[in-house]
Protein backbone atom coordinates (compact mmCIF):
# COMPACT_ATOMS: atom_id res chain seq x y z
CA MET A 1 0.07 -0.04 -0.07
CA SER A 2 1.36 3.27 -0.97
CA ALA A 3 2.01 5.93 1.58
CA PRO A 4 -0.52 8.92 1.86
CA THR A 5 0.27 12.51 0.44
CA TYR A 6 -0.15 15.20 2.92
CA ARG A 7 -0.90 18.79 1.88
CA VAL A 8 1.56 21.02 3.47
CA ALA A 9 2.35 24.88 3.83
CA GLN A 10 5.49 26.66 5.04
CA TRP A 11 5.13 29.19 7.66
CA ALA A 12 8.02 31.63 7.38
CA THR A 13 11.18 31.44 5.18
CA GLY A 14 14.04 32.36 7.53
CA ASN A 15 17.51 30.25 7.72
CA ILE A 16 15.56 27.37 9.05
CA GLY A 17 12.30 27.85 7.19
CA THR A 18 14.00 28.09 3.92
CA ARG A 19 15.97 24.87 4.18
CA ALA A 20 12.52 23.04 5.49
CA LEU A 21 10.75 24.52 2.47
CA ARG A 22 13.19 22.89 0.26
CA GLU A 23 12.88 19.61 1.85
CA VAL A 24 9.00 19.74 1.49
CA ILE A 25 9.40 20.40 -2.23
CA ARG A 26 11.56 17.57 -2.22
CA HIS A 27 9.75 14.79 -0.44
CA PRO A 28 7.69 12.29 -2.34
CA ASN A 29 4.69 12.04 -0.19
CA LEU A 30 4.10 15.76 0.81
CA GLU A 31 2.52 18.42 -1.55
CA LEU A 32 3.42 22.02 -1.03
CA VAL A 33 0.27 24.19 -0.96
CA GLY A 34 1.29 27.49 0.36
CA VAL A 35 4.23 29.64 1.69
CA LEU A 36 3.87 32.42 4.05
CA VAL A 37 6.67 35.00 4.20
CA TYR A 38 7.12 38.24 6.26
CA ASP A 39 9.36 40.27 4.00
CA PRO A 40 7.23 42.00 1.54
CA ALA A 41 10.09 41.65 -1.21
CA LYS A 42 9.28 37.83 -1.02
CA ASP A 43 5.61 38.42 -1.67
CA GLY A 44 4.54 36.69 -4.87
CA LEU A 45 7.78 34.79 -5.52
CA ASP A 46 7.78 31.01 -6.30
CA ALA A 47 8.44 28.86 -3.60
CA GLY A 48 11.02 27.27 -5.47
CA GLU A 49 12.79 30.41 -5.98
CA LEU A 50 12.90 31.02 -2.40
CA CYS A 51 14.87 27.92 -1.64
CA GLY A 52 16.91 27.25 -4.77
CA GLU A 53 14.50 24.68 -6.14
CA PRO A 54 12.87 24.65 -9.88
CA ALA A 55 9.58 26.49 -10.12
CA THR A 56 6.72 25.03 -8.35
CA GLY A 57 3.78 27.13 -9.18
CA ILE A 58 3.20 28.12 -5.51
CA ALA A 59 3.38 31.66 -5.08
CA ALA A 60 4.49 32.98 -1.45
CA THR A 61 2.24 35.40 0.43
CA THR A 62 2.40 37.83 3.38
CA GLU A 63 -1.40 37.21 4.18
CA SER A 64 -1.84 34.62 7.01
CA ALA A 65 -5.34 34.12 6.23
CA ALA A 66 -4.65 33.01 2.73
CA ILE A 67 -2.65 30.28 4.15
CA ALA A 68 -5.42 29.29 6.68
CA ALA A 69 -7.76 29.27 3.64
CA LEU A 70 -5.84 26.51 1.98
CA LYS A 71 -6.66 23.85 4.80
CA PRO A 72 -3.63 22.42 4.57
CA ASP A 73 -3.24 19.07 6.52
CA CYS A 74 -0.22 20.21 8.23
CA VAL A 75 1.74 23.67 8.54
CA LEU A 76 5.32 23.97 9.24
CA TYR A 77 5.29 26.82 11.74
CA MET A 78 8.65 28.42 11.94
CA PRO A 79 8.21 32.19 12.86
CA ARG A 80 10.67 34.13 14.84
CA ALA A 81 8.09 34.54 17.70
CA LEU A 82 4.95 32.36 18.19
CA GLU A 83 1.38 34.07 17.46
CA ILE A 84 -1.05 32.13 19.52
CA ASP A 85 -3.89 33.30 17.79
CA ASP A 86 -2.48 31.97 14.31
CA VAL A 87 -1.89 28.64 15.76
CA VAL A 88 -5.28 28.26 17.40
CA GLY A 89 -7.03 29.39 14.19
CA MET A 90 -5.15 26.73 12.06
CA LEU A 91 -5.47 23.96 14.84
CA SER A 92 -9.39 24.69 15.00
CA ALA A 93 -9.87 24.58 11.35
CA GLY A 94 -8.45 21.07 10.99
CA THR A 95 -4.76 21.90 10.32
CA ASN A 96 -2.04 20.04 12.27
CA ILE A 97 1.11 21.96 13.19
CA VAL A 98 4.81 20.93 13.52
CA THR A 99 6.89 23.80 14.79
CA SER A 100 10.35 24.93 15.88
CA CYS A 101 9.00 27.01 18.41
CA GLY A 102 9.72 25.55 21.97
CA GLU A 103 6.63 26.67 23.89
CA PHE A 104 4.95 23.35 23.03
CA PHE A 105 7.47 21.09 24.59
CA ALA A 106 6.50 18.91 27.37
CA GLY A 107 2.80 19.20 26.87
CA GLY A 108 3.02 23.07 26.40
CA SER A 109 4.12 24.08 30.12
CA ALA A 110 5.90 26.98 28.86
CA LEU A 111 2.59 28.72 27.65
CA SER A 112 0.39 30.58 30.02
CA GLU A 113 -2.61 28.85 31.47
CA ASP A 114 -4.90 30.70 29.09
CA ALA A 115 -2.76 29.92 25.90
CA ARG A 116 -2.45 26.50 26.61
CA SER A 117 -6.20 25.74 27.08
CA ARG A 118 -7.07 27.60 24.10
CA VAL A 119 -4.62 25.54 22.22
CA LEU A 120 -6.04 22.29 23.62
CA ASP A 121 -9.77 23.54 23.01
CA ALA A 122 -8.75 24.12 19.22
CA CYS A 123 -6.90 20.72 18.86
CA ALA A 124 -10.22 19.13 20.33
CA ALA A 125 -12.30 21.13 17.72
CA GLY A 126 -10.51 20.53 14.94
CA ASN A 127 -9.16 16.80 15.64
CA THR A 128 -5.49 18.19 15.25
CA SER A 129 -2.30 17.95 17.02
CA VAL A 130 0.65 20.22 17.38
CA TYR A 131 4.04 19.27 18.09
CA SER A 132 7.44 21.22 18.61
CA THR A 133 10.73 19.68 17.65
CA GLY A 134 12.43 22.89 18.99
CA SER A 135 15.04 25.52 17.19
CA SER A 136 17.77 23.95 19.40
CA PRO A 137 16.76 21.89 22.14
CA GLY A 138 15.07 19.23 19.80
CA PHE A 139 17.29 16.35 18.92
CA ILE A 140 19.66 16.76 21.72
CA THR A 141 17.20 17.05 24.55
CA ASP A 142 14.63 14.27 23.44
CA ALA A 143 15.58 12.16 20.46
CA LEU A 144 18.87 10.80 21.45
CA PRO A 145 18.52 11.05 25.39
CA PHE A 146 15.19 9.06 25.03
CA ALA A 147 16.87 6.36 23.19
CA LEU A 148 19.43 5.75 25.68
CA LEU A 149 16.81 6.16 28.58
CA SER A 150 15.52 3.00 27.15
CA LEU A 151 18.39 0.83 28.40
CA GLN A 152 18.03 2.26 31.97
CA ARG A 153 16.21 1.46 34.82
CA GLN A 154 17.70 3.82 37.41
CA ILE A 155 18.96 7.32 36.57
CA GLN A 156 21.53 9.44 38.51
CA SER A 157 21.98 12.15 36.15
CA ILE A 158 21.94 13.67 32.63
CA THR A 159 24.30 16.14 31.27
CA ILE A 160 24.24 17.75 27.84
CA ASP A 161 26.91 20.08 26.71
CA GLU A 162 26.64 22.08 23.44
CA PHE A 163 29.91 23.36 21.99
CA ALA A 164 30.00 26.26 19.24
CA ASN A 165 33.06 27.54 17.79
CA MET A 166 32.43 30.99 16.84
CA SER A 167 35.89 31.69 15.18
CA GLN A 168 34.73 31.44 11.58
CA ARG A 169 31.30 33.15 11.61
CA ASP A 170 31.85 36.35 9.66
CA SER A 171 29.20 38.15 11.59
CA PRO A 172 30.62 41.12 13.65
CA HIS A 173 27.48 42.52 14.72
CA MET A 174 26.21 39.22 16.40
CA ILE A 175 29.74 38.24 17.71
CA PHE A 176 30.87 41.58 19.03
CA GLU A 177 27.71 43.34 19.97
CA LEU A 178 24.98 40.88 20.46
CA MET A 179 26.99 38.18 22.08
CA GLY A 180 29.49 40.73 23.72
CA PHE A 181 32.90 38.86 22.59
CA GLY A 182 35.86 40.90 22.61
CA LYS A 183 34.40 43.02 25.45
CA PRO A 184 35.75 43.59 29.12
CA LEU A 185 34.87 40.67 31.34
CA ASP A 186 32.88 42.94 33.95
CA SER A 187 30.65 43.72 31.01
CA TYR A 188 29.09 40.04 30.88
CA HIS A 189 25.58 40.08 32.38
CA PRO A 190 24.75 36.55 33.92
CA GLY A 191 21.05 37.37 33.72
CA ARG A 192 21.41 36.01 30.36
CA ALA A 193 21.01 32.67 31.68
CA GLN A 194 17.61 33.00 32.36
CA TYR A 195 16.86 33.46 28.88
CA LEU A 196 18.02 29.89 27.84
CA LEU A 197 16.26 28.54 31.03
CA ARG A 198 13.19 29.64 29.57
CA ALA A 199 14.30 28.18 26.29
CA PHE A 200 15.48 24.88 27.39
CA GLY A 201 13.77 24.35 30.88
CA PRO A 202 10.67 22.94 29.32
CA ALA A 203 12.65 20.11 27.16
CA LEU A 204 14.99 19.32 30.16
CA GLY A 205 12.11 18.86 32.42
CA ALA A 206 10.26 16.30 30.34
CA LEU A 207 13.61 14.57 30.08
CA ALA A 208 13.85 14.47 33.87
CA ASP A 209 10.31 13.29 34.20
CA ALA A 210 10.84 10.32 31.57
CA ALA A 211 14.06 9.44 33.71
CA GLY A 212 11.72 9.35 36.68
CA ARG A 213 13.30 12.16 38.39
CA PRO A 214 11.16 15.20 38.16
CA VAL A 215 12.74 18.64 38.74
CA ASP A 216 11.58 20.54 41.86
CA ALA A 217 14.14 23.44 41.47
CA TRP A 218 15.97 25.06 38.67
CA ASN A 219 19.26 27.17 38.44
CA ALA A 220 20.77 29.12 35.87
CA ALA A 221 24.03 30.55 35.84
CA GLY A 222 26.57 32.23 33.28
CA GLU A 223 30.25 32.83 33.27
CA VAL A 224 33.01 33.81 30.86
CA ALA A 225 36.49 33.07 30.31
CA ALA A 226 39.36 35.65 28.71
CA ALA A 227 41.50 35.24 25.65
CA ARG A 228 45.23 34.47 26.63
CA THR A 229 46.52 36.45 23.77
CA ASP A 230 45.32 38.87 20.95
CA THR A 231 43.38 36.68 18.77
CA THR A 232 42.20 37.04 15.45
CA ILE A 233 39.00 35.53 14.27
CA VAL A 234 37.07 36.01 10.81
CA ALA A 235 34.68 38.53 12.65
CA GLY A 236 37.34 40.63 13.83
CA GLU A 237 39.99 41.13 16.91
CA LEU A 238 39.70 39.65 20.47
CA PRO A 239 42.18 41.56 22.62
CA ALA A 240 43.98 39.51 25.18
CA GLY A 241 42.07 39.53 28.48
CA SER A 242 38.66 40.21 26.61
CA ILE A 243 35.72 37.76 26.61
CA ALA A 244 36.62 34.65 24.41
CA ALA A 245 34.45 31.91 25.66
CA GLN A 246 30.87 32.07 27.19
CA ARG A 247 29.23 29.15 29.39
CA THR A 248 25.87 29.27 30.43
CA THR A 249 24.94 26.11 32.85
CA ILE A 250 21.04 25.22 33.38
CA THR A 251 20.52 22.82 36.26
CA GLY A 252 17.19 20.81 37.33
CA THR A 253 17.22 19.28 41.17
CA SER A 254 15.27 16.88 42.40
CA ALA A 255 15.35 16.32 46.31
CA ASP A 256 18.60 18.17 46.11
CA ASP A 257 20.24 15.92 43.63
CA ASP A 258 21.58 17.40 40.38
CA VAL A 259 19.51 15.21 37.63
CA VAL A 260 19.49 17.26 34.47
CA ARG A 261 22.06 19.79 33.30
CA PHE A 262 22.54 21.76 30.19
CA ARG A 263 25.60 23.49 29.44
CA ALA A 264 26.03 25.85 26.41
CA ASN A 265 29.99 26.51 25.67
CA TRP A 266 30.29 29.09 22.96
CA TYR A 267 33.48 30.24 22.18
CA CYS A 268 35.69 32.07 19.71
CA THR A 269 38.99 30.62 20.83
CA ALA A 270 39.94 27.51 23.12
CA ASP A 271 43.00 29.23 24.39
CA VAL A 272 41.18 30.83 27.45
CA GLU A 273 41.85 31.79 30.98
CA PRO A 274 40.64 29.81 33.28
CA ALA A 275 41.10 26.68 31.13
CA TRP A 276 37.84 25.10 29.91
CA ASP A 277 37.04 21.82 28.25
CA LEU A 278 36.13 23.28 24.75
CA ARG A 279 35.51 20.57 22.22
CA PRO A 280 34.78 20.86 18.58
CA THR A 281 31.28 22.05 17.45
CA GLY A 282 28.68 19.64 18.54
CA TRP A 283 27.33 18.06 21.43
CA ARG A 284 28.69 15.75 24.32
CA LEU A 285 25.93 13.71 26.23
CA GLN A 286 26.55 12.07 29.58
CA LEU A 287 24.34 9.45 31.41
CA HIS A 288 24.88 8.27 34.56
CA GLY A 289 22.69 5.03 35.28
CA ASP A 290 22.39 1.49 35.14
CA ALA A 291 23.98 1.60 31.68
CA PRO A 292 26.41 4.63 31.79
CA PHE A 293 27.16 6.42 28.48
CA ASP A 294 29.71 9.30 27.62
CA VAL A 295 28.80 10.38 23.97
CA ASP A 296 30.54 12.81 21.60
CA LEU A 297 28.80 14.17 18.76
CA PRO A 298 30.90 16.72 16.80
CA PHE A 299 30.05 17.89 13.44
CA PRO A 300 32.03 16.13 10.68
CA ILE A 301 32.03 19.37 8.70
CA PRO A 302 34.97 22.03 8.39
CA LEU A 303 34.07 25.11 10.47
CA GLU A 304 34.08 27.41 7.26
CA ASP A 305 31.43 24.98 5.72
CA LEU A 306 29.25 24.97 8.69
CA GLY A 307 26.68 27.61 7.54
CA ALA A 308 25.58 25.31 4.18
CA HIS A 309 24.79 22.38 6.63
CA THR A 310 23.70 23.52 10.28
CA PRO A 311 20.05 24.60 9.23
CA ALA A 312 19.42 20.87 8.49
CA TYR A 313 19.93 19.85 12.03
CA THR A 314 16.92 22.04 12.99
CA ALA A 315 14.78 21.96 9.67
CA ILE A 316 14.74 18.51 8.60
CA ARG A 317 13.21 16.84 11.70
CA PRO A 318 10.18 18.73 11.43
CA VAL A 319 9.67 17.71 7.81
CA ASN A 320 9.97 14.15 8.63
CA ALA A 321 7.38 14.44 11.56
CA ILE A 322 4.62 15.72 9.58
CA PRO A 323 3.00 12.28 8.63
CA TYR A 324 3.27 11.26 12.48
CA VAL A 325 1.86 14.05 13.64
CA CYS A 326 -1.15 14.10 11.23
CA ALA A 327 -1.78 10.59 12.49
CA ALA A 328 -1.58 11.31 16.10
CA ALA A 329 -4.31 11.86 18.63
CA PRO A 330 -5.67 15.26 19.12
CA GLY A 331 -3.67 17.55 21.45
CA ILE A 332 -0.23 18.79 22.17
CA VAL A 333 2.29 15.68 21.64
CA ASP A 334 5.70 15.31 22.53
CA THR A 335 8.28 12.60 21.17
CA ARG A 336 7.12 10.20 23.82
CA ASP A 337 3.81 10.21 22.15
CA LEU A 338 5.05 9.30 18.83
CA PRO A 339 6.61 6.37 17.02
CA PRO A 340 10.36 6.79 16.28
CA ILE A 341 10.23 9.69 13.58
CA VAL A 342 12.58 8.38 10.30
CA PRO A 343 12.33 9.81 6.95
CA ALA A 344 10.19 7.18 5.35
CA GLY A 345 6.96 7.99 7.75
CA PRO A 346 4.80 5.46 9.27
CA ARG A 347 3.76 2.39 7.22
């Protein structure tokens, strides 16, 4: 029996959305029916032109109502910021949603009570589901850790490290102004850690729940390390003694035990003071339990080529998830509610 075809609309065409759009066009069991763009300069352009594919005959639009009127089976919802009215309208009208917005992790626990109730009511009315793969948590906080949890009975702790070598990013404004590299150490504001707690907390909390160690308290802390010498990176110059590495640590405790920890290690050089264990761009996952693991996942790609590949790590999983979410029970679903997500989809 052949797999069903799903009618899909792509919502937003930023860095991740553009890659997702390309994968929808190429997918044999997905039919692209619409594209929502925010940039007026993209309005009316063919979807293929937006992502480097041949013409599709599908013109992009800036009108959200036009996408809703298409009544697609699923929308790949990838805006910079969640608009709850758009989500509720599509779900109640019978359109499932797969999104990179982290607010829907862990049953939508990051949503306000009112927003969560509206989403659940919309899912019930439209017989639809919404699933978040996340813009950064996604794979590393639920796909791989859940696979490793299947080998455990007792879990002591889970630690996830993210490593990002920023030395080859040709983005001076982002590196020096937004992220604060190259500035004096005392310019760093540790309160930034609270932002990552809001972004990663729900996914990490769901992971701790699955491990049987629900989090009862959270802590988020930030720290920096200095360049030992004057350092040249693609974006510019890092003076000796200036911020060259940043680490944000999010820790969830259960009965005073540290049970889940996420560390974001962003750096422009590994030659820093104090000395940190700064690994190649990628992830490290340490699980302490009945069957301990220490897994390194570096990107097997030269740093100068990463920009062409990294969107795939966020964009492709939502595309692969579409058939599973369309077949899921109504509501806010997470990875535990779905079969293993693979490229072919459910049979």
